[in-house]
Amino acid sequence: MKAVAQQVTADAEAKQQKAQARIDAQERMGMFREVLEIDADDLLANYGVGSCSVALDQFAEAIPF
């Protein structure tokens, strides 16, 4: 019974971490897009948008970056 409770707790923590990672990726995406409005050729911002897109499971959107 203890092992089941530990697994449920671990699953809940993993789900919470994944949700937080998505929120963080969305926030970073916004910052990178702001930079790209100023300089569309900024390498770090382009990489960042692509990386955040992958983290958000938006693979088709990541390709151009």
PDB file of N, CA and C in Angstrom:
ATOM      1  N   MET A   1       0.823  -1.188   0.000  1.00  0.00           N
ATOM      2  CA  MET A   1       0.000   0.000   0.000  1.00  0.00           C
ATOM      3  C   MET A   1       0.873   1.260   0.000  1.00  0.00           C
ATOM      4  N   LYS A   2       1.953   1.198   0.744  1.00  0.00           N
ATOM      5  CA  LYS A   2       2.858   2.350   0.828  1.00  0.00           C
ATOM      6  C   LYS A   2       3.475   2.641  -0.541  1.00  0.00           C
ATOM      7  N   ALA A   3       3.831   1.595  -1.275  1.00  0.00           N
ATOM      8  CA  ALA A   3       4.432   1.770  -2.599  1.00  0.00           C
ATOM      9  C   ALA A   3       3.446   2.423  -3.563  1.00  0.00           C
ATOM     10  N   VAL A   4       2.186   2.057  -3.467  1.00  0.00           N
ATOM     11  CA  VAL A   4       1.161   2.653  -4.328  1.00  0.00           C
ATOM     12  C   VAL A   4       1.013   4.136  -4.005  1.00  0.00           C
ATOM     13  N   ALA A   5       0.991   4.466  -2.739  1.00  0.00           N
ATOM     14  CA  ALA A   5       0.875   5.869  -2.333  1.00  0.00           C
ATOM     15  C   ALA A   5       2.071   6.681  -2.817  1.00  0.00           C
ATOM     16  N   GLN A   6       3.263   6.101  -2.747  1.00  0.00           N
ATOM     17  CA  GLN A   6       4.456   6.793  -3.216  1.00  0.00           C
ATOM     18  C   GLN A   6       4.388   7.010  -4.729  1.00  0.00           C
ATOM     19  N   GLN A   7       3.887   6.011  -5.448  1.00  0.00           N
ATOM     20  CA  GLN A   7       3.782   6.139  -6.905  1.00  0.00           C
ATOM     21  C   GLN A   7       2.769   7.205  -7.282  1.00  0.00           C
ATOM     22  N   VAL A   8       1.654   7.257  -6.588  1.00  0.00           N
ATOM     23  CA  VAL A   8       0.642   8.279  -6.848  1.00  0.00           C
ATOM     24  C   VAL A   8       1.221   9.661  -6.585  1.00  0.00           C
ATOM     25  N   THR A   9       1.960   9.796  -5.499  1.00  0.00           N
ATOM     26  CA  THR A   9       2.594  11.073  -5.171  1.00  0.00           C
ATOM     27  C   THR A   9       3.612  11.457  -6.234  1.00  0.00           C
ATOM     28  N   ALA A  10       4.418  10.510  -6.670  1.00  0.00           N
ATOM     29  CA  ALA A  10       5.426  10.771  -7.698  1.00  0.00           C
ATOM     30  C   ALA A  10       4.758  11.164  -9.012  1.00  0.00           C
ATOM     31  N   ASP A  11       3.668  10.500  -9.362  1.00  0.00           N
ATOM     32  CA  ASP A  11       2.950  10.830 -10.592  1.00  0.00           C
ATOM     33  C   ASP A  11       2.374  12.242 -10.529  1.00  0.00           C
ATOM     34  N   ALA A  12       1.823  12.604  -9.378  1.00  0.00           N
ATOM     35  CA  ALA A  12       1.256  13.947  -9.209  1.00  0.00           C
ATOM     36  C   ALA A  12       2.345  15.006  -9.310  1.00  0.00           C
ATOM     37  N   GLU A  13       3.498  14.751  -8.720  1.00  0.00           N
ATOM     38  CA  GLU A  13       4.613  15.702  -8.790  1.00  0.00           C
ATOM     39  C   GLU A  13       5.112  15.839 -10.221  1.00  0.00           C
ATOM     40  N   ALA A  14       5.202  14.732 -10.941  1.00  0.00           N
ATOM     41  CA  ALA A  14       5.656  14.773 -12.329  1.00  0.00           C
ATOM     42  C   ALA A  14       4.681  15.566 -13.192  1.00  0.00           C
ATOM     43  N   LYS A  15       3.403  15.380 -12.955  1.00  0.00           N
ATOM     44  CA  LYS A  15       2.387  16.120 -13.710  1.00  0.00           C
ATOM     45  C   LYS A  15       2.486  17.613 -13.422  1.00  0.00           C
ATOM     46  N   GLN A  16       2.707  17.952 -12.160  1.00  0.00           N
ATOM     47  CA  GLN A  16       2.831  19.359 -11.771  1.00  0.00           C
ATOM     48  C   GLN A  16       4.090  19.979 -12.390  1.00  0.00           C
ATOM     49  N   GLN A  17       5.182  19.246 -12.409  1.00  0.00           N
ATOM     50  CA  GLN A  17       6.420  19.752 -13.007  1.00  0.00           C
ATOM     51  C   GLN A  17       6.251  19.967 -14.505  1.00  0.00           C
ATOM     52  N   LYS A  18       5.550  19.056 -15.168  1.00  0.00           N
ATOM     53  CA  LYS A  18       5.328  19.195 -16.598  1.00  0.00           C
ATOM     54  C   LYS A  18       4.465  20.426 -16.887  1.00  0.00           C
ATOM     55  N   ALA A  19       3.444  20.645 -16.073  1.00  0.00           N
ATOM     56  CA  ALA A  19       2.593  21.815 -16.245  1.00  0.00           C
ATOM     57  C   ALA A  19       3.395  23.100 -16.040  1.00  0.00           C
ATOM     58  N   GLN A  20       4.266  23.108 -15.035  1.00  0.00           N
ATOM     59  CA  GLN A  20       5.095  24.292 -14.780  1.00  0.00           C
ATOM     60  C   GLN A  20       6.081  24.518 -15.918  1.00  0.00           C
ATOM     61  N   ALA A  21       6.616  23.454 -16.480  1.00  0.00           N
ATOM     62  CA  ALA A  21       7.547  23.579 -17.604  1.00  0.00           C
ATOM     63  C   ALA A  21       6.847  24.181 -18.816  1.00  0.00           C
ATOM     64  N   ARG A  22       5.594  23.825 -19.039  1.00  0.00           N
ATOM     65  CA  ARG A  22       4.833  24.403 -20.153  1.00  0.00           C
ATOM     66  C   ARG A  22       4.594  25.897 -19.922  1.00  0.00           C
ATOM     67  N   ILE A  23       4.259  26.268 -18.690  1.00  0.00           N
ATOM     68  CA  ILE A  23       4.041  27.680 -18.367  1.00  0.00           C
ATOM     69  C   ILE A  23       5.331  28.472 -18.589  1.00  0.00           C
ATOM     70  N   ASP A  24       6.452  27.917 -18.122  1.00  0.00           N
ATOM     71  CA  ASP A  24       7.747  28.579 -18.297  1.00  0.00           C
ATOM     72  C   ASP A  24       8.085  28.740 -19.776  1.00  0.00           C
ATOM     73  N   ALA A  25       7.822  27.699 -20.568  1.00  0.00           N
ATOM     74  CA  ALA A  25       8.116  27.754 -22.002  1.00  0.00           C
ATOM     75  C   ALA A  25       7.261  28.818 -22.682  1.00  0.00           C
ATOM     76  N   GLN A  26       6.013  28.941 -22.286  1.00  0.00           N
ATOM     77  CA  GLN A  26       5.143  29.965 -22.866  1.00  0.00           C
ATOM     78  C   GLN A  26       5.647  31.367 -22.531  1.00  0.00           C
ATOM     79  N   GLU A  27       6.099  31.561 -21.307  1.00  0.00           N
ATOM     80  CA  GLU A  27       6.627  32.867 -20.907  1.00  0.00           C
ATOM     81  C   GLU A  27       7.895  33.202 -21.691  1.00  0.00           C
ATOM     82  N   ARG A  28       8.798  32.231 -21.807  1.00  0.00           N
ATOM     83  CA  ARG A  28      10.037  32.462 -22.570  1.00  0.00           C
ATOM     84  C   ARG A  28       9.730  32.727 -24.027  1.00  0.00           C
ATOM     85  N   MET A  29       8.744  32.010 -24.565  1.00  0.00           N
ATOM     86  CA  MET A  29       8.352  32.200 -25.956  1.00  0.00           C
ATOM     87  C   MET A  29       7.946  33.656 -26.190  1.00  0.00           C
ATOM     88  N   GLY A  30       7.188  34.217 -25.266  1.00  0.00           N
ATOM     89  CA  GLY A  30       6.776  35.612 -25.393  1.00  0.00           C
ATOM     90  C   GLY A  30       7.963  36.560 -25.416  1.00  0.00           C
ATOM     91  N   MET A  31       8.936  36.309 -24.566  1.00  0.00           N
ATOM     92  CA  MET A  31      10.127  37.164 -24.529  1.00  0.00           C
ATOM     93  C   MET A  31      10.929  37.043 -25.824  1.00  0.00           C
ATOM     94  N   PHE A  32      11.094  35.815 -26.302  1.00  0.00           N
ATOM     95  CA  PHE A  32      11.845  35.624 -27.548  1.00  0.00           C
ATOM     96  C   PHE A  32      11.130  36.283 -28.723  1.00  0.00           C
ATOM     97  N   ARG A  33       9.821  36.191 -28.754  1.00  0.00           N
ATOM     98  CA  ARG A  33       9.058  36.821 -29.858  1.00  0.00           C
ATOM     99  C   ARG A  33       9.191  38.352 -29.813  1.00  0.00           C
ATOM    100  N   GLU A  34       9.255  38.926 -28.622  1.00  0.00           N
ATOM    101  CA  GLU A  34       9.465  40.371 -28.508  1.00  0.00           C
ATOM    102  C   GLU A  34      10.810  40.761 -29.117  1.00  0.00           C
ATOM    103  N   VAL A  35      11.837  39.981 -28.839  1.00  0.00           N
ATOM    104  CA  VAL A  35      13.163  40.250 -29.402  1.00  0.00           C
ATOM    105  C   VAL A  35      13.103  40.135 -30.922  1.00  0.00           C
ATOM    106  N   LEU A  36      12.394  39.129 -31.434  1.00  0.00           N
ATOM    107  CA  LEU A  36      12.314  38.946 -32.883  1.00  0.00           C
ATOM    108  C   LEU A  36      11.560  40.072 -33.574  1.00  0.00           C
ATOM    109  N   GLU A  37      10.658  40.744 -32.858  1.00  0.00           N
ATOM    110  CA  GLU A  37       9.992  41.916 -33.432  1.00  0.00           C
ATOM    111  C   GLU A  37      10.997  43.038 -33.667  1.00  0.00           C
ATOM    112  N   ILE A  38      12.008  43.110 -32.826  1.00  0.00           N
ATOM    113  CA  ILE A  38      13.046  44.130 -32.948  1.00  0.00           C
ATOM    114  C   ILE A  38      14.096  43.701 -33.961  1.00  0.00           C
ATOM    115  N   ASP A  39      14.523  42.454 -33.880  1.00  0.00           N
ATOM    116  CA  ASP A  39      15.579  41.940 -34.753  1.00  0.00           C
ATOM    117  C   ASP A  39      15.237  40.505 -35.171  1.00  0.00           C
ATOM    118  N   ALA A  40      14.680  40.357 -36.354  1.00  0.00           N
ATOM    119  CA  ALA A  40      14.228  39.052 -36.838  1.00  0.00           C
ATOM    120  C   ALA A  40      15.385  38.084 -37.062  1.00  0.00           C
ATOM    121  N   ASP A  41      16.612  38.577 -37.127  1.00  0.00           N
ATOM    122  CA  ASP A  41      17.772  37.720 -37.373  1.00  0.00           C
ATOM    123  C   ASP A  41      18.515  37.321 -36.099  1.00  0.00           C
ATOM    124  N   ASP A  42      18.005  37.694 -34.939  1.00  0.00           N
ATOM    125  CA  ASP A  42      18.664  37.362 -33.678  1.00  0.00           C
ATOM    126  C   ASP A  42      18.718  35.844 -33.517  1.00  0.00           C
ATOM    127  N   LEU A  43      19.921  35.300 -33.489  1.00  0.00           N
ATOM    128  CA  LEU A  43      20.097  33.849 -33.458  1.00  0.00           C
ATOM    129  C   LEU A  43      19.558  33.218 -32.171  1.00  0.00           C
ATOM    130  N   LEU A  44      19.843  33.848 -31.050  1.00  0.00           N
ATOM    131  CA  LEU A  44      19.393  33.290 -29.775  1.00  0.00           C
ATOM    132  C   LEU A  44      17.865  33.285 -29.691  1.00  0.00           C
ATOM    133  N   ALA A  45      17.238  34.352 -30.127  1.00  0.00           N
ATOM    134  CA  ALA A  45      15.775  34.428 -30.074  1.00  0.00           C
ATOM    135  C   ALA A  45      15.145  33.418 -31.026  1.00  0.00           C
ATOM    136  N   ASN A  46      15.722  33.248 -32.208  1.00  0.00           N
ATOM    137  CA  ASN A  46      15.200  32.253 -33.139  1.00  0.00           C
ATOM    138  C   ASN A  46      15.329  30.850 -32.556  1.00  0.00           C
ATOM    139  N   TYR A  47      16.487  30.556 -31.997  1.00  0.00           N
ATOM    140  CA  TYR A  47      16.685  29.252 -31.352  1.00  0.00           C
ATOM    141  C   TYR A  47      15.709  29.088 -30.192  1.00  0.00           C
ATOM    142  N   GLY A  48      15.535  30.141 -29.426  1.00  0.00           N
ATOM    143  CA  GLY A  48      14.642  30.084 -28.272  1.00  0.00           C
ATOM    144  C   GLY A  48      13.203  29.795 -28.658  1.00  0.00           C
ATOM    145  N   VAL A  49      12.725  30.442 -29.714  1.00  0.00           N
ATOM    146  CA  VAL A  49      11.355  30.181 -30.161  1.00  0.00           C
ATOM    147  C   VAL A  49      11.223  28.729 -30.610  1.00  0.00           C
ATOM    148  N   GLY A  50      12.213  28.245 -31.345  1.00  0.00           N
ATOM    149  CA  GLY A  50      12.176  26.852 -31.779  1.00  0.00           C
ATOM    150  C   GLY A  50      12.206  25.894 -30.605  1.00  0.00           C
ATOM    151  N   SER A  51      13.061  26.174 -29.647  1.00  0.00           N
ATOM    152  CA  SER A  51      13.183  25.318 -28.470  1.00  0.00           C
ATOM    153  C   SER A  51      11.891  25.317 -27.643  1.00  0.00           C
ATOM    154  N   CYS A  52      11.317  26.480 -27.458  1.00  0.00           N
ATOM    155  CA  CYS A  52      10.063  26.572 -26.707  1.00  0.00           C
ATOM    156  C   CYS A  52       8.929  25.877 -27.458  1.00  0.00           C
ATOM    157  N   SER A  53       8.921  25.995 -28.765  1.00  0.00           N
ATOM    158  CA  SER A  53       7.895  25.319 -29.557  1.00  0.00           C
ATOM    159  C   SER A  53       7.975  23.807 -29.369  1.00  0.00           C
ATOM    160  N   VAL A  54       9.177  23.270 -29.354  1.00  0.00           N
ATOM    161  CA  VAL A  54       9.351  21.831 -29.124  1.00  0.00           C
ATOM    162  C   VAL A  54       8.875  21.470 -27.719  1.00  0.00           C
ATOM    163  N   ALA A  55       9.217  22.286 -26.738  1.00  0.00           N
ATOM    164  CA  ALA A  55       8.802  22.016 -25.363  1.00  0.00           C
ATOM    165  C   ALA A  55       7.279  22.032 -25.220  1.00  0.00           C
ATOM    166  N   LEU A  56       6.617  22.797 -26.091  1.00  0.00           N
ATOM    167  CA  LEU A  56       5.158  22.887 -26.057  1.00  0.00           C
ATOM    168  C   LEU A  56       4.505  21.904 -27.031  1.00  0.00           C
ATOM    169  N   ASP A  57       5.298  20.996 -27.577  1.00  0.00           N
ATOM    170  CA  ASP A  57       4.817  19.993 -28.534  1.00  0.00           C
ATOM    171  C   ASP A  57       4.242  20.621 -29.803  1.00  0.00           C
ATOM    172  N   GLN A  58       4.779  21.761 -30.202  1.00  0.00           N
ATOM    173  CA  GLN A  58       4.369  22.440 -31.431  1.00  0.00           C
ATOM    174  C   GLN A  58       5.488  22.268 -32.462  1.00  0.00           C
ATOM    175  N   PHE A  59       5.652  21.036 -32.893  1.00  0.00           N
ATOM    176  CA  PHE A  59       6.806  20.670 -33.708  1.00  0.00           C
ATOM    177  C   PHE A  59       6.799  21.360 -35.071  1.00  0.00           C
ATOM    178  N   ALA A  60       5.649  21.468 -35.710  1.00  0.00           N
ATOM    179  CA  ALA A  60       5.579  22.102 -37.020  1.00  0.00           C
ATOM    180  C   ALA A  60       5.961  23.574 -36.935  1.00  0.00           C
ATOM    181  N   GLU A  61       5.582  24.224 -35.858  1.00  0.00           N
ATOM    182  CA  GLU A  61       5.933  25.641 -35.672  1.00  0.00           C
ATOM    183  C   GLU A  61       7.414  25.814 -35.407  1.00  0.00           C
ATOM    184  N   ALA A  62       8.059  24.808 -34.854  1.00  0.00           N
ATOM    185  CA  ALA A  62       9.478  24.898 -34.504  1.00  0.00           C
ATOM    186  C   ALA A  62      10.385  24.828 -35.730  1.00  0.00           C
ATOM    187  N   ILE A  63       9.925  24.198 -36.787  1.00  0.00           N
ATOM    188  CA  ILE A  63      10.776  23.940 -37.955  1.00  0.00           C
ATOM    189  C   ILE A  63      11.431  25.196 -38.527  1.00  0.00           C
ATOM    190  N   PRO A  64      10.717  26.288 -38.746  1.00  0.00           N
ATOM    191  CA  PRO A  64      11.371  27.467 -39.340  1.00  0.00           C
ATOM    192  C   PRO A  64      12.447  28.091 -38.450  1.00  0.00           C
ATOM    193  N   PHE A  65      12.397  27.819 -37.176  1.00  0.00           N
ATOM    194  CA  PHE A  65      13.331  28.446 -36.250  1.00  0.00           C
ATOM    195  C   PHE A  65      14.526  27.571 -36.007  1.00  0.00           C
TER     196      PHE A  65
END
